[in-house]
Amino acid sequence: MTIDEYAAWAATIAKVDERPSNERLSYLGLGLAGESGEVADHIKKLLRDDWLDRAGLVDELGDVIYYWACLCAATGQKPSELLKASAAKISRRLGEAASR
């Protein structure tokens, strides 16, 4: 399954349509923030306990991807295109940092 196929699938599960309501967008954004917080909590516990629950972290990363993919679909963006744009942006930043 490609990331674009996953996003299309996730959008059906999350009931995302072409014109999602503000409530639906808010729900998805808060879901992404919440799951990102759970990822951060695993990292916090790594610092505190010097042990990482890798399976738990991976599980939460999957939840982050789900909400991210749903938001991509809700805004009409292809995840693969966003990934390309992100890579280009980071590459530009690295080039700018190297030239300083």
N, C-alpha and C. Protein backbone atom coordinates (compact mmCIF):
# COMPACT_ATOMS: atom_id res chain seq x y z
N MET A 1 0.85 -1.17 0.00
CA MET A 1 0.00 0.00 0.00
C MET A 1 0.90 1.24 0.00
N THR A 2 0.60 2.16 -0.88
CA THR A 2 1.35 3.42 -0.92
C THR A 2 0.79 4.38 0.12
N ILE A 3 1.51 5.45 0.39
CA ILE A 3 1.03 6.44 1.35
C ILE A 3 -0.25 7.12 0.83
N ASP A 4 -0.35 7.30 -0.48
CA ASP A 4 -1.56 7.89 -1.04
C ASP A 4 -2.75 6.94 -0.91
N GLU A 5 -2.53 5.66 -1.12
CA GLU A 5 -3.59 4.67 -0.94
C GLU A 5 -4.02 4.61 0.53
N TYR A 6 -3.03 4.68 1.42
CA TYR A 6 -3.33 4.66 2.86
C TYR A 6 -4.20 5.87 3.23
N ALA A 7 -3.83 7.05 2.73
CA ALA A 7 -4.59 8.26 3.04
C ALA A 7 -6.03 8.16 2.55
N ALA A 8 -6.21 7.60 1.36
CA ALA A 8 -7.56 7.43 0.82
C ALA A 8 -8.36 6.47 1.71
N TRP A 9 -7.72 5.40 2.15
CA TRP A 9 -8.37 4.44 3.04
C TRP A 9 -8.71 5.10 4.37
N ALA A 10 -7.73 5.79 4.96
CA ALA A 10 -7.93 6.43 6.26
C ALA A 10 -9.06 7.45 6.19
N ALA A 11 -9.15 8.16 5.07
CA ALA A 11 -10.21 9.17 4.91
C ALA A 11 -11.59 8.52 4.96
N THR A 12 -11.71 7.31 4.43
CA THR A 12 -13.01 6.64 4.50
C THR A 12 -13.33 6.23 5.94
N ILE A 13 -12.33 5.80 6.68
CA ILE A 13 -12.53 5.41 8.07
C ILE A 13 -12.92 6.63 8.91
N ALA A 14 -12.23 7.75 8.67
CA ALA A 14 -12.47 8.98 9.43
C ALA A 14 -13.66 9.78 8.91
N LYS A 15 -14.30 9.28 7.87
CA LYS A 15 -15.46 9.95 7.27
C LYS A 15 -15.13 11.37 6.81
N VAL A 16 -13.99 11.48 6.13
CA VAL A 16 -13.56 12.76 5.57
C VAL A 16 -14.14 12.88 4.17
N ASP A 17 -14.80 13.99 3.90
CA ASP A 17 -15.34 14.22 2.56
C ASP A 17 -14.62 15.40 1.93
N GLU A 18 -15.09 15.82 0.75
CA GLU A 18 -14.43 16.90 0.01
C GLU A 18 -14.45 18.23 0.73
N ARG A 19 -15.45 18.46 1.52
CA ARG A 19 -15.58 19.72 2.26
C ARG A 19 -15.80 19.41 3.74
N PRO A 20 -14.72 19.02 4.42
CA PRO A 20 -14.90 18.67 5.84
C PRO A 20 -15.27 19.90 6.66
N SER A 21 -16.08 19.68 7.66
CA SER A 21 -16.50 20.77 8.54
C SER A 21 -15.33 21.21 9.42
N ASN A 22 -15.48 22.39 9.98
CA ASN A 22 -14.47 22.86 10.92
C ASN A 22 -14.34 21.89 12.09
N GLU A 23 -15.46 21.33 12.49
CA GLU A 23 -15.45 20.36 13.59
C GLU A 23 -14.63 19.13 13.23
N ARG A 24 -14.80 18.62 12.02
CA ARG A 24 -14.05 17.44 11.58
C ARG A 24 -12.57 17.76 11.49
N LEU A 25 -12.22 18.92 10.92
CA LEU A 25 -10.82 19.32 10.83
C LEU A 25 -10.21 19.49 12.22
N SER A 26 -10.98 20.07 13.12
CA SER A 26 -10.51 20.25 14.49
C SER A 26 -10.28 18.90 15.16
N TYR A 27 -11.21 17.99 14.97
CA TYR A 27 -11.08 16.65 15.54
C TYR A 27 -9.80 15.98 15.04
N LEU A 28 -9.55 16.07 13.74
CA LEU A 28 -8.36 15.44 13.17
C LEU A 28 -7.09 16.11 13.67
N GLY A 29 -7.09 17.44 13.73
CA GLY A 29 -5.92 18.16 14.23
C GLY A 29 -5.63 17.85 15.69
N LEU A 30 -6.67 17.79 16.48
CA LEU A 30 -6.49 17.44 17.89
C LEU A 30 -6.06 15.99 18.05
N GLY A 31 -6.56 15.12 17.18
CA GLY A 31 -6.12 13.72 17.20
C GLY A 31 -4.63 13.62 16.91
N LEU A 32 -4.18 14.37 15.91
CA LEU A 32 -2.75 14.38 15.56
C LEU A 32 -1.92 14.90 16.73
N ALA A 33 -2.38 15.99 17.35
CA ALA A 33 -1.65 16.55 18.49
C ALA A 33 -1.62 15.56 19.66
N GLY A 34 -2.74 14.91 19.91
CA GLY A 34 -2.81 13.95 21.01
C GLY A 34 -1.87 12.77 20.80
N GLU A 35 -1.88 12.23 19.59
CA GLU A 35 -1.00 11.09 19.30
C GLU A 35 0.46 11.51 19.31
N SER A 36 0.75 12.73 18.85
CA SER A 36 2.12 13.24 18.91
C SER A 36 2.57 13.36 20.36
N GLY A 37 1.65 13.74 21.22
CA GLY A 37 1.94 13.81 22.65
C GLY A 37 2.25 12.44 23.22
N GLU A 38 1.57 11.42 22.74
CA GLU A 38 1.87 10.07 23.21
C GLU A 38 3.24 9.62 22.75
N VAL A 39 3.65 10.02 21.54
CA VAL A 39 5.02 9.74 21.09
C VAL A 39 6.00 10.45 22.02
N ALA A 40 5.74 11.71 22.31
CA ALA A 40 6.61 12.47 23.21
C ALA A 40 6.68 11.82 24.58
N ASP A 41 5.58 11.26 25.05
CA ASP A 41 5.57 10.60 26.35
C ASP A 41 6.51 9.39 26.36
N HIS A 42 6.56 8.66 25.26
CA HIS A 42 7.49 7.52 25.18
C HIS A 42 8.94 8.02 25.25
N ILE A 43 9.22 9.14 24.61
CA ILE A 43 10.57 9.71 24.64
C ILE A 43 10.89 10.20 26.06
N LYS A 44 9.91 10.82 26.71
CA LYS A 44 10.09 11.27 28.09
C LYS A 44 10.45 10.10 29.00
N LYS A 45 9.72 9.00 28.82
CA LYS A 45 9.99 7.81 29.65
C LYS A 45 11.36 7.23 29.35
N LEU A 46 11.81 7.36 28.11
CA LEU A 46 13.17 6.92 27.77
C LEU A 46 14.18 7.74 28.57
N LEU A 47 13.99 9.04 28.63
CA LEU A 47 14.90 9.90 29.39
C LEU A 47 14.83 9.60 30.88
N ARG A 48 13.62 9.37 31.36
CA ARG A 48 13.44 9.13 32.80
C ARG A 48 13.95 7.75 33.22
N ASP A 49 13.62 6.73 32.44
CA ASP A 49 13.88 5.34 32.84
C ASP A 49 15.05 4.70 32.11
N ASP A 50 15.60 5.40 31.11
CA ASP A 50 16.68 4.86 30.29
C ASP A 50 16.25 3.55 29.61
N TRP A 51 14.98 3.50 29.22
CA TRP A 51 14.44 2.34 28.52
C TRP A 51 13.33 2.81 27.60
N LEU A 52 13.34 2.29 26.38
CA LEU A 52 12.34 2.69 25.39
C LEU A 52 11.43 1.52 25.06
N ASP A 53 10.15 1.76 25.19
CA ASP A 53 9.13 0.79 24.76
C ASP A 53 8.96 0.97 23.25
N ARG A 54 9.82 0.29 22.50
CA ARG A 54 9.82 0.45 21.05
C ARG A 54 8.49 0.07 20.42
N ALA A 55 7.90 -1.01 20.87
CA ALA A 55 6.62 -1.45 20.31
C ALA A 55 5.54 -0.40 20.56
N GLY A 56 5.52 0.16 21.76
CA GLY A 56 4.56 1.21 22.08
C GLY A 56 4.79 2.46 21.25
N LEU A 57 6.06 2.83 21.08
CA LEU A 57 6.40 4.00 20.27
C LEU A 57 5.96 3.80 18.83
N VAL A 58 6.25 2.64 18.28
CA VAL A 58 5.87 2.34 16.89
C VAL A 58 4.35 2.38 16.74
N ASP A 59 3.64 1.85 17.72
CA ASP A 59 2.18 1.87 17.69
C ASP A 59 1.67 3.31 17.65
N GLU A 60 2.23 4.17 18.46
CA GLU A 60 1.81 5.57 18.48
C GLU A 60 2.20 6.29 17.19
N LEU A 61 3.36 5.96 16.63
CA LEU A 61 3.74 6.55 15.34
C LEU A 61 2.73 6.20 14.27
N GLY A 62 2.20 4.98 14.32
CA GLY A 62 1.15 4.59 13.37
C GLY A 62 -0.09 5.45 13.53
N ASP A 63 -0.43 5.79 14.78
CA ASP A 63 -1.58 6.65 15.02
C ASP A 63 -1.32 8.07 14.51
N VAL A 64 -0.08 8.54 14.67
CA VAL A 64 0.28 9.86 14.13
C VAL A 64 0.08 9.87 12.62
N ILE A 65 0.56 8.82 11.96
CA ILE A 65 0.43 8.73 10.50
C ILE A 65 -1.04 8.72 10.08
N TYR A 66 -1.87 8.01 10.84
CA TYR A 66 -3.29 7.95 10.52
C TYR A 66 -3.91 9.36 10.50
N TYR A 67 -3.69 10.11 11.57
CA TYR A 67 -4.28 11.45 11.63
C TYR A 67 -3.67 12.38 10.59
N TRP A 68 -2.36 12.27 10.38
CA TRP A 68 -1.69 13.07 9.35
C TRP A 68 -2.29 12.77 7.98
N ALA A 69 -2.45 11.49 7.68
CA ALA A 69 -3.01 11.10 6.38
C ALA A 69 -4.44 11.60 6.23
N CYS A 70 -5.22 11.53 7.29
CA CYS A 70 -6.59 12.04 7.25
C CYS A 70 -6.61 13.54 6.99
N LEU A 71 -5.70 14.27 7.62
CA LEU A 71 -5.63 15.72 7.39
C LEU A 71 -5.19 16.02 5.96
N CYS A 72 -4.30 15.21 5.43
CA CYS A 72 -3.92 15.37 4.02
C CYS A 72 -5.15 15.24 3.14
N ALA A 73 -5.91 14.17 3.37
CA ALA A 73 -7.11 13.95 2.57
C ALA A 73 -8.13 15.08 2.77
N ALA A 74 -8.27 15.53 4.01
CA ALA A 74 -9.25 16.57 4.31
C ALA A 74 -8.91 17.89 3.66
N THR A 75 -7.64 18.11 3.38
CA THR A 75 -7.23 19.35 2.73
C THR A 75 -6.93 19.17 1.25
N GLY A 76 -7.25 17.97 0.73
CA GLY A 76 -7.08 17.72 -0.69
C GLY A 76 -5.64 17.55 -1.14
N GLN A 77 -4.77 17.20 -0.21
CA GLN A 77 -3.36 17.04 -0.54
C GLN A 77 -2.99 15.57 -0.68
N LYS A 78 -2.15 15.28 -1.64
CA LYS A 78 -1.62 13.92 -1.77
C LYS A 78 -0.42 13.81 -0.84
N PRO A 79 -0.44 12.86 0.07
CA PRO A 79 0.69 12.71 0.99
C PRO A 79 2.03 12.59 0.27
N SER A 80 2.08 11.89 -0.84
CA SER A 80 3.34 11.73 -1.55
C SER A 80 3.88 13.08 -2.02
N GLU A 81 3.00 13.98 -2.43
CA GLU A 81 3.42 15.31 -2.86
C GLU A 81 3.90 16.15 -1.66
N LEU A 82 3.22 16.01 -0.53
CA LEU A 82 3.66 16.72 0.67
C LEU A 82 5.03 16.22 1.12
N LEU A 83 5.27 14.92 1.01
CA LEU A 83 6.58 14.38 1.38
C LEU A 83 7.67 14.92 0.46
N LYS A 84 7.39 15.01 -0.84
CA LYS A 84 8.36 15.58 -1.78
C LYS A 84 8.64 17.04 -1.44
N ALA A 85 7.59 17.80 -1.18
CA ALA A 85 7.76 19.22 -0.85
C ALA A 85 8.54 19.38 0.46
N SER A 86 8.26 18.54 1.43
CA SER A 86 8.98 18.59 2.70
C SER A 86 10.45 18.28 2.51
N ALA A 87 10.76 17.26 1.72
CA ALA A 87 12.16 16.91 1.46
C ALA A 87 12.88 18.06 0.78
N ALA A 88 12.22 18.70 -0.17
CA ALA A 88 12.83 19.83 -0.87
C ALA A 88 13.07 20.99 0.09
N LYS A 89 12.12 21.27 0.96
CA LYS A 89 12.23 22.35 1.94
C LYS A 89 13.39 22.09 2.89
N ILE A 90 13.49 20.86 3.39
CA ILE A 90 14.58 20.51 4.31
C ILE A 90 15.92 20.58 3.60
N SER A 91 15.97 20.12 2.36
CA SER A 91 17.21 20.19 1.58
C SER A 91 17.65 21.64 1.39
N ARG A 92 16.68 22.52 1.10
CA ARG A 92 17.00 23.95 0.96
C ARG A 92 17.56 24.50 2.27
N ARG A 93 16.93 24.15 3.37
CA ARG A 93 17.40 24.63 4.67
C ARG A 93 18.80 24.14 4.97
N LEU A 94 19.07 22.88 4.65
CA LEU A 94 20.41 22.33 4.86
C LEU A 94 21.42 23.06 4.00
N GLY A 95 21.04 23.37 2.77
CA GLY A 95 21.93 24.11 1.88
C GLY A 95 22.19 25.51 2.40
N GLU A 96 21.16 26.15 2.92
CA GLU A 96 21.31 27.49 3.49
C GLU A 96 22.19 27.45 4.72
N ALA A 97 22.02 26.44 5.56
CA ALA A 97 22.81 26.33 6.77
C ALA A 97 24.28 26.05 6.44
N ALA A 98 24.52 25.26 5.41
CA ALA A 98 25.90 24.94 5.01
C ALA A 98 26.62 26.15 4.44
N SER A 99 25.86 27.08 3.85
CA SER A 99 26.49 28.25 3.23
C SER A 99 26.74 29.37 4.24
N ARG A 100 26.31 29.20 5.47
CA ARG A 100 26.52 30.25 6.49
C ARG A 100 27.90 30.16 7.08
